[in-house]
Amino acid sequence: MTNANSEQPLQPEDVYAEYRELRASRPVSRDDDGPWRVALYEDVRHVMKTHATFSSEVSQAVQEDGSARVSMLFSDPPVHSRLRDLVSRAFTPRQVSAQADAIKARCEQLVTRLAADDTGDLIKGLAAPLPVGVIATMLGVEDGDFDTFKRWSDVIFGNIGEILMATPSEEAVAASEEMNAYFLERIAALRTSPRSHLLSDLVHVETDEGRLTDAELLMFCALLLIAGNETTTSLIVGATRVFHEQPETFDWLKKSPEMVPGFLEETLRYHSPFKMSIRRALHDVELRGQKISEGDLILPLIASANRDERVFERASEFVFDRNPNPHLAFGLGIHSCLGASLARLEAKIAVTSMLEHLDGISISDFNPAELDGFGAPASIPVSIRRAA
């Protein structure tokens, strides 16, 4: 099979040039007393899967009542094990596959509307409302609240560093309080009147260790809304970015739509939705000759690992039929992304719908630095070629 981009490989932008330099000469490094950056695939895998040495409990911030801010993303066993086990029982393949028809219907509506003009906004027209709508529906939210959900997600995700490590902004605190109050009201109702959706399943799921508390349910609502939303949004943006950078890929996929899943896996590798994760050293440890002290923060550079020349042949090129493709975009080990299958399903349906309704799409005022930032931009104007 001939690769559609074999003649004109995509070139990494500045951030990836920096990652390449780190891999070549400073695979484990830091600036002054800042966090350690880990750039090589092998080391990123090691850090992400070795929770006994590299802890996910990175937040030293506490609530007003003195308790730590706990999230499944930022906890270790046994807390993490209990939360993940309970959540996994409700967030099953059955739950994900059950969303397919609703995703297709919503995506058809959004893409048809986007295709009605020669220009549009990728974020507001498709990449944000699709996953927010899906997640909100899974949590039993009414259609009229979708815009509010998106606002909460944007504010909280945009302040995630301060929420974890410092003092969150007044706007982030207000958004969190509004979201918590919204869900607490619905959780209380679901305890007495179960419904047929994910949040109701989570309220009632039970193991030998008991049910989820209100605080744990709120954690999962925030996790699903924010992480699930941003992952899918960024994946759709990444796919559109490939179509912009190499429009022949769009044409090739229109002729071979069965290759969309492989295309999305390469998109995850090449334009990773999350560029890095974060860990904290539980004890003194040495990595690549560098002495990391107990308590030091470590940044496993996922996007760098996914471009590591030692693992991926033609690592700086987008090879949409790459096989195998052991990228780390959805994490690894106990913190592998629970919502990965949902993100893949949403993105597959979105890209397939774009292929059916469009003859091409490109990003207006293309700015790689903005697209390589933390999370997707609030707006991405696009030019559209409607299908004949």
Protein backbone atom coordinates (compact mmCIF):
# COMPACT_ATOMS: atom_id res chain seq x y z
CA MET A 1 0.00 0.00 0.00
CA THR A 2 1.37 3.38 -0.97
CA ASN A 3 1.45 5.94 1.78
CA ALA A 4 -0.36 9.13 0.72
CA ASN A 5 2.32 11.30 2.31
CA SER A 6 5.46 9.43 1.28
CA GLU A 7 6.59 12.24 -1.00
CA GLN A 8 5.92 15.16 1.35
CA PRO A 9 6.30 14.19 5.00
CA LEU A 10 4.91 16.57 7.56
CA GLN A 11 7.57 18.49 9.43
CA PRO A 12 7.59 18.88 13.21
CA GLU A 13 7.00 22.38 14.52
CA ASP A 14 9.13 24.24 17.08
CA VAL A 15 7.91 22.31 20.12
CA TYR A 16 8.80 19.04 18.44
CA ALA A 17 12.20 20.38 17.44
CA GLU A 18 12.76 21.08 21.13
CA TYR A 19 11.67 17.55 22.03
CA ARG A 20 14.04 16.16 19.41
CA GLU A 21 16.92 18.11 20.96
CA LEU A 22 16.01 16.83 24.42
CA ARG A 23 15.96 13.23 23.20
CA ALA A 24 19.34 13.67 21.52
CA SER A 25 21.30 15.43 24.25
CA ARG A 26 19.23 15.91 27.43
CA PRO A 27 16.82 12.99 27.78
CA VAL A 28 16.35 13.70 31.50
CA SER A 29 16.77 17.37 32.33
CA ARG A 30 15.43 20.33 34.22
CA ASP A 31 15.75 24.11 34.27
CA ASP A 32 17.00 25.36 37.64
CA ASP A 33 14.64 23.89 40.29
CA GLY A 34 11.81 23.20 37.87
CA PRO A 35 10.28 19.79 37.19
CA TRP A 36 12.32 17.10 35.46
CA ARG A 37 11.53 16.52 31.79
CA VAL A 38 11.71 12.93 30.58
CA ALA A 39 11.88 12.76 26.78
CA LEU A 40 12.68 9.20 25.64
CA TYR A 41 9.94 6.65 24.96
CA GLU A 42 11.54 3.98 27.16
CA ASP A 43 11.87 6.35 30.10
CA VAL A 44 8.39 7.84 29.70
CA ARG A 45 6.96 4.31 29.78
CA HIS A 46 9.01 3.51 32.87
CA VAL A 47 7.89 6.62 34.74
CA MET A 48 4.24 6.22 33.82
CA LYS A 49 3.96 2.55 34.75
CA THR A 50 6.10 2.53 37.93
CA HIS A 51 3.72 4.11 40.40
CA ALA A 52 5.66 2.72 43.37
CA THR A 53 8.47 5.14 42.50
CA PHE A 54 6.77 7.85 40.46
CA SER A 55 3.55 8.80 42.22
CA SER A 56 0.49 10.38 40.64
CA GLU A 57 -0.28 12.07 43.96
CA VAL A 58 1.30 15.32 42.85
CA SER A 59 -1.04 17.82 44.47
CA GLN A 60 -0.02 19.28 47.79
CA ALA A 61 -3.06 21.55 47.79
CA VAL A 62 -5.82 20.94 50.32
CA GLN A 63 -9.46 21.81 50.64
CA GLU A 64 -10.79 24.21 53.24
CA ASP A 65 -11.63 21.24 55.46
CA GLY A 66 -7.99 20.12 55.36
CA SER A 67 -8.50 17.12 53.05
CA ALA A 68 -6.40 16.63 49.95
CA ARG A 69 -7.90 17.24 46.53
CA VAL A 70 -8.43 13.68 45.36
CA SER A 71 -8.97 12.61 41.78
CA MET A 72 -8.59 9.21 40.17
CA LEU A 73 -6.08 10.82 37.80
CA PHE A 74 -3.94 12.03 40.69
CA SER A 75 -4.02 9.16 43.16
CA ASP A 76 -2.16 5.90 43.74
CA PRO A 77 -3.29 2.49 45.01
CA PRO A 78 -5.19 1.66 47.12
CA VAL A 79 -7.33 4.80 46.60
CA HIS A 80 -6.91 4.65 42.83
CA SER A 81 -7.61 0.91 42.68
CA ARG A 82 -10.95 1.26 44.45
CA LEU A 83 -12.07 4.22 42.35
CA ARG A 84 -11.03 2.64 39.06
CA ASP A 85 -12.63 -0.68 39.91
CA LEU A 86 -15.95 0.93 40.77
CA VAL A 87 -15.92 3.24 37.76
CA SER A 88 -14.89 0.45 35.38
CA ARG A 89 -17.97 -1.57 36.36
CA ALA A 90 -20.22 1.21 35.10
CA PHE A 91 -18.06 2.57 32.27
CA THR A 92 -18.08 -0.68 30.29
CA PRO A 93 -17.76 -1.45 26.54
CA ARG A 94 -21.54 -1.89 26.60
CA GLN A 95 -21.97 1.68 27.84
CA VAL A 96 -19.65 2.98 25.12
CA SER A 97 -21.15 1.00 22.25
CA ALA A 98 -24.62 2.04 23.38
CA GLN A 99 -23.68 5.64 22.54
CA ALA A 100 -22.91 4.93 18.86
CA ASP A 101 -26.34 5.73 17.39
CA ALA A 102 -26.67 8.95 19.39
CA ILE A 103 -23.13 10.00 18.41
CA LYS A 104 -23.88 9.37 14.72
CA ALA A 105 -27.11 11.35 14.87
CA ARG A 106 -25.53 14.28 16.68
CA CYS A 107 -22.47 14.22 14.43
CA GLU A 108 -24.63 14.15 11.29
CA GLN A 109 -26.46 17.23 12.53
CA LEU A 110 -23.26 19.11 13.39
CA VAL A 111 -21.33 18.27 10.21
CA THR A 112 -24.32 19.01 7.98
CA ARG A 113 -24.61 22.41 9.63
CA LEU A 114 -20.85 22.97 9.29
CA ALA A 115 -21.00 22.02 5.59
CA ALA A 116 -23.75 24.55 4.89
CA ASP A 117 -21.20 27.35 4.40
CA ASP A 118 -17.72 27.83 2.97
CA THR A 119 -16.31 28.86 6.34
CA GLY A 120 -16.94 27.86 9.92
CA ASP A 121 -15.45 27.27 13.35
CA LEU A 122 -14.16 23.74 13.93
CA ILE A 123 -14.29 24.02 17.73
CA LYS A 124 -17.72 25.60 18.09
CA GLY A 125 -19.21 23.74 15.14
CA LEU A 126 -18.04 20.17 15.81
CA ALA A 127 -14.99 19.42 17.97
CA ALA A 128 -16.47 20.80 21.22
CA PRO A 129 -20.25 20.23 21.03
CA LEU A 130 -19.92 16.59 19.92
CA PRO A 131 -18.03 15.23 22.97
CA VAL A 132 -19.70 17.62 25.42
CA GLY A 133 -23.09 16.48 24.17
CA VAL A 134 -22.15 12.80 24.40
CA ILE A 135 -20.70 13.10 27.91
CA ALA A 136 -23.59 15.21 29.12
CA THR A 137 -26.09 12.68 27.77
CA MET A 138 -24.22 9.85 29.51
CA LEU A 139 -24.50 11.83 32.73
CA GLY A 140 -28.23 12.46 32.25
CA VAL A 141 -27.96 16.16 31.47
CA GLU A 142 -30.67 18.03 29.59
CA ASP A 143 -29.87 19.58 26.19
CA GLY A 144 -30.35 23.11 27.46
CA ASP A 145 -27.39 22.79 29.83
CA PHE A 146 -24.75 21.88 27.20
CA ASP A 147 -23.37 25.43 26.84
CA THR A 148 -23.02 25.71 30.61
CA PHE A 149 -21.17 22.40 30.68
CA LYS A 150 -18.73 23.59 28.03
CA ARG A 151 -18.07 26.78 30.00
CA TRP A 152 -17.33 24.80 33.18
CA SER A 153 -14.99 22.51 31.24
CA ASP A 154 -13.07 25.36 29.63
CA VAL A 155 -12.63 27.28 32.89
CA ILE A 156 -11.60 24.29 35.03
CA PHE A 157 -9.34 22.67 32.44
CA GLY A 158 -7.68 26.02 31.72
CA ASN A 159 -6.82 26.35 35.41
CA ILE A 160 -5.88 22.72 36.11
CA GLY A 161 -2.29 23.59 37.09
CA GLU A 162 -3.40 26.10 39.70
CA ILE A 163 -6.16 23.77 40.94
CA LEU A 164 -3.64 20.98 41.54
CA MET A 165 -0.55 22.82 42.67
CA ALA A 166 -1.48 26.29 43.87
CA THR A 167 -4.47 28.58 44.37
CA PRO A 168 -7.14 28.36 41.66
CA SER A 169 -8.65 31.52 40.25
CA GLU A 170 -11.96 32.86 41.55
CA GLU A 171 -13.49 31.95 38.18
CA ALA A 172 -12.31 28.32 38.49
CA VAL A 173 -13.60 28.06 42.07
CA ALA A 174 -16.99 29.45 41.02
CA ALA A 175 -17.21 27.05 38.07
CA SER A 176 -16.35 24.08 40.30
CA GLU A 177 -18.93 25.10 42.90
CA GLU A 178 -21.62 25.53 40.25
CA MET A 179 -20.84 22.15 38.71
CA ASN A 180 -20.75 20.40 42.10
CA ALA A 181 -24.10 21.86 43.11
CA TYR A 182 -25.61 20.84 39.78
CA PHE A 183 -24.48 17.24 40.12
CA LEU A 184 -25.21 16.89 43.84
CA GLU A 185 -28.85 17.70 43.17
CA ARG A 186 -29.01 15.02 40.47
CA ILE A 187 -27.06 12.44 42.50
CA ALA A 188 -29.51 12.82 45.40
CA ALA A 189 -32.44 12.25 43.04
CA LEU A 190 -30.79 9.21 41.44
CA ARG A 191 -30.22 7.50 44.80
CA THR A 192 -33.99 7.16 45.20
CA SER A 193 -35.02 7.05 41.51
CA PRO A 194 -32.48 5.26 39.28
CA ARG A 195 -32.36 6.13 35.59
CA SER A 196 -30.87 4.48 32.51
CA HIS A 197 -27.59 6.33 32.07
CA LEU A 198 -23.99 6.22 33.23
CA LEU A 199 -24.28 8.55 36.22
CA SER A 200 -27.15 6.48 37.60
CA ASP A 201 -25.08 3.31 37.14
CA LEU A 202 -22.22 4.93 39.02
CA VAL A 203 -24.50 5.98 41.86
CA HIS A 204 -25.69 2.40 42.34
CA VAL A 205 -22.63 0.32 41.38
CA GLU A 206 -21.29 -1.59 44.38
CA THR A 207 -18.41 -3.90 45.28
CA ASP A 208 -17.18 -5.42 48.54
CA GLU A 209 -15.74 -2.00 49.39
CA GLY A 210 -19.02 -0.21 48.98
CA ARG A 211 -20.51 2.45 46.75
CA LEU A 212 -19.04 5.71 45.54
CA THR A 213 -19.45 8.62 47.94
CA ASP A 214 -20.85 11.97 46.80
CA ALA A 215 -17.30 13.36 46.67
CA GLU A 216 -16.11 10.44 44.54
CA LEU A 217 -19.09 10.81 42.20
CA LEU A 218 -18.37 14.52 41.81
CA MET A 219 -14.74 13.67 41.03
CA PHE A 220 -15.80 11.29 38.30
CA CYS A 221 -18.31 13.74 36.79
CA ALA A 222 -15.56 16.35 36.56
CA LEU A 223 -13.09 13.81 35.20
CA LEU A 224 -15.47 12.57 32.52
CA LEU A 225 -16.67 16.02 31.54
CA ILE A 226 -13.25 17.66 31.37
CA ALA A 227 -10.82 14.90 30.38
CA GLY A 228 -13.29 13.13 28.10
CA ASN A 229 -14.29 16.37 26.45
CA GLU A 230 -10.76 17.68 25.90
CA THR A 231 -9.35 14.37 24.64
CA THR A 232 -11.93 13.98 21.88
CA THR A 233 -11.86 17.67 20.98
CA SER A 234 -8.08 17.58 20.60
CA LEU A 235 -8.22 14.37 18.55
CA ILE A 236 -10.71 15.89 16.10
CA VAL A 237 -8.52 19.01 15.91
CA GLY A 238 -5.45 16.85 15.28
CA ALA A 239 -7.19 14.99 12.45
CA THR A 240 -8.28 18.28 10.85
CA ARG A 241 -4.74 19.59 11.22
CA VAL A 242 -3.46 16.63 9.19
CA PHE A 243 -6.08 17.35 6.52
CA HIS A 244 -4.82 20.94 6.42
CA GLU A 245 -1.13 20.06 6.33
CA GLN A 246 -1.59 17.29 3.80
CA PRO A 247 -4.89 17.54 1.93
CA GLU A 248 -4.19 14.44 -0.18
CA THR A 249 -4.73 12.40 2.99
CA PHE A 250 -8.37 13.55 3.02
CA ASP A 251 -8.78 12.47 -0.60
CA TRP A 252 -7.19 9.10 0.11
CA LEU A 253 -9.44 8.42 3.09
CA LYS A 254 -12.55 9.32 1.09
CA LYS A 255 -11.64 6.43 -1.21
CA SER A 256 -10.65 4.11 1.66
CA PRO A 257 -12.77 5.02 4.72
CA GLU A 258 -11.98 1.64 6.28
CA MET A 259 -8.54 3.11 7.04
CA VAL A 260 -9.96 5.79 9.38
CA PRO A 261 -9.14 3.86 12.60
CA GLY A 262 -5.47 3.52 11.62
CA PHE A 263 -5.40 7.17 10.56
CA LEU A 264 -6.68 8.17 14.01
CA GLU A 265 -4.06 6.05 15.78
CA GLU A 266 -1.35 7.87 13.86
CA THR A 267 -3.03 11.19 14.66
CA LEU A 268 -2.87 10.27 18.34
CA ARG A 269 0.83 9.56 17.98
CA TYR A 270 1.72 12.54 15.82
CA HIS A 271 -0.50 15.18 17.43
CA SER A 272 -0.93 13.80 20.95
CA PRO A 273 -4.00 15.32 22.69
CA PHE A 274 -1.99 15.74 25.90
CA LYS A 275 1.67 16.63 25.46
CA MET A 276 2.73 15.47 28.92
CA SER A 277 1.69 14.00 32.24
CA ILE A 278 3.05 14.67 35.72
CA ARG A 279 4.46 12.52 38.54
CA ARG A 280 6.25 13.02 41.88
CA ALA A 281 9.26 10.99 43.06
CA LEU A 282 8.46 8.99 46.19
CA HIS A 283 12.14 8.48 46.96
CA ASP A 284 15.56 9.35 45.58
CA VAL A 285 16.07 7.72 42.19
CA GLU A 286 18.52 7.90 39.30
CA LEU A 287 17.40 8.09 35.68
CA ARG A 288 19.82 8.40 32.75
CA GLY A 289 22.55 9.42 35.18
CA GLN A 290 20.46 12.22 36.71
CA LYS A 291 19.75 12.11 40.45
CA ILE A 292 16.09 12.85 41.10
CA SER A 293 15.33 13.63 44.73
CA GLU A 294 12.34 12.54 46.77
CA GLY A 295 9.49 15.00 46.20
CA ASP A 296 10.75 16.25 42.84
CA LEU A 297 8.14 16.63 40.10
CA ILE A 298 8.64 14.78 36.81
CA LEU A 299 7.04 15.53 33.46
CA PRO A 300 6.86 12.46 31.20
CA LEU A 301 6.78 14.10 27.76
CA ILE A 302 4.22 11.93 25.99
CA ALA A 303 4.42 13.90 22.75
CA SER A 304 8.19 13.49 22.69
CA ALA A 305 7.97 9.75 23.39
CA ASN A 306 5.54 9.41 20.51
CA ARG A 307 8.13 10.92 18.15
CA ASP A 308 11.09 8.89 19.46
CA GLU A 309 13.24 7.76 16.54
CA ARG A 310 14.42 4.75 18.54
CA VAL A 311 10.89 3.31 18.51
CA PHE A 312 9.11 4.71 15.46
CA GLU A 313 10.55 4.43 11.96
CA ARG A 314 10.22 7.76 10.13
CA ALA A 315 9.11 9.21 13.47
CA SER A 316 8.94 12.80 12.20
CA GLU A 317 6.54 11.82 9.40
CA PHE A 318 2.81 11.20 9.53
CA VAL A 319 2.36 7.63 8.29
CA PHE A 320 -1.36 6.96 8.50
CA ASP A 321 -1.07 3.23 7.85
CA ARG A 322 1.67 2.78 10.46
CA ASN A 323 1.69 -0.71 11.95
CA PRO A 324 2.54 -1.40 14.70
CA ASN A 325 1.86 1.90 16.43
CA PRO A 326 2.59 1.60 20.18
CA HIS A 327 1.94 5.28 20.98
CA LEU A 328 1.38 6.47 24.54
CA ALA A 329 -1.32 9.06 23.83
CA PHE A 330 -3.81 7.41 26.20
CA GLY A 331 -1.33 6.79 28.99
CA LEU A 332 -0.09 3.51 30.39
CA GLY A 333 -0.56 1.11 33.27
CA ILE A 334 -3.01 1.86 36.04
CA HIS A 335 -3.58 5.34 34.63
CA SER A 336 -4.39 4.32 31.07
CA CYS A 337 -7.38 6.34 29.91
CA LEU A 338 -10.72 4.74 30.76
CA GLY A 339 -12.41 6.85 28.09
CA ALA A 340 -10.04 5.88 25.26
CA SER A 341 -12.61 3.69 23.53
CA LEU A 342 -15.20 6.47 23.68
CA ALA A 343 -12.77 9.04 22.27
CA ARG A 344 -11.85 6.67 19.44
CA LEU A 345 -15.51 6.01 18.66
CA GLU A 346 -16.44 9.70 18.63
CA ALA A 347 -13.46 10.66 16.47
CA LYS A 348 -14.09 7.79 14.03
CA ILE A 349 -17.71 8.84 13.56
CA ALA A 350 -16.74 12.53 13.25
CA VAL A 351 -14.03 11.94 10.64
CA THR A 352 -16.23 9.52 8.69
CA SER A 353 -19.01 12.11 8.63
CA MET A 354 -16.58 14.78 7.44
CA LEU A 355 -15.46 12.48 4.62
CA GLU A 356 -19.07 11.93 3.57
CA HIS A 357 -20.15 15.57 3.60
CA LEU A 358 -16.97 17.43 2.63
CA ASP A 359 -14.42 17.37 -0.17
CA GLY A 360 -11.82 19.05 2.00
CA ILE A 361 -11.20 21.22 5.05
CA SER A 362 -8.34 23.56 5.94
CA ILE A 363 -7.48 25.76 8.91
CA SER A 364 -7.60 29.51 8.36
CA ASP A 365 -4.69 31.57 9.75
CA PHE A 366 -2.84 28.35 10.56
CA ASN A 367 -0.78 28.78 13.75
CA PRO A 368 1.10 25.59 14.80
CA ALA A 369 2.26 27.11 18.10
CA GLU A 370 -1.34 27.76 19.16
CA LEU A 371 -2.39 24.24 18.18
CA ASP A 372 0.54 22.73 20.11
CA GLY A 373 -0.50 24.42 23.35
CA PHE A 374 -2.17 22.92 26.41
CA GLY A 375 -5.58 21.75 25.25
CA ALA A 376 -7.43 22.83 22.12
CA PRO A 377 -7.89 26.55 21.32
CA ALA A 378 -11.25 28.15 22.01
CA SER A 379 -11.78 28.79 18.30
CA ILE A 380 -10.35 27.42 15.04
CA PRO A 381 -11.72 29.11 11.90
CA VAL A 382 -11.78 26.71 8.94
CA SER A 383 -12.40 26.86 5.19
CA ILE A 384 -14.66 24.13 3.85
CA ARG A 385 -15.07 22.50 0.46
CA ARG A 386 -18.52 20.97 0.42
CA ALA A 387 -19.04 17.64 -1.26
CA ALA A 388 -20.55 17.87 -4.72
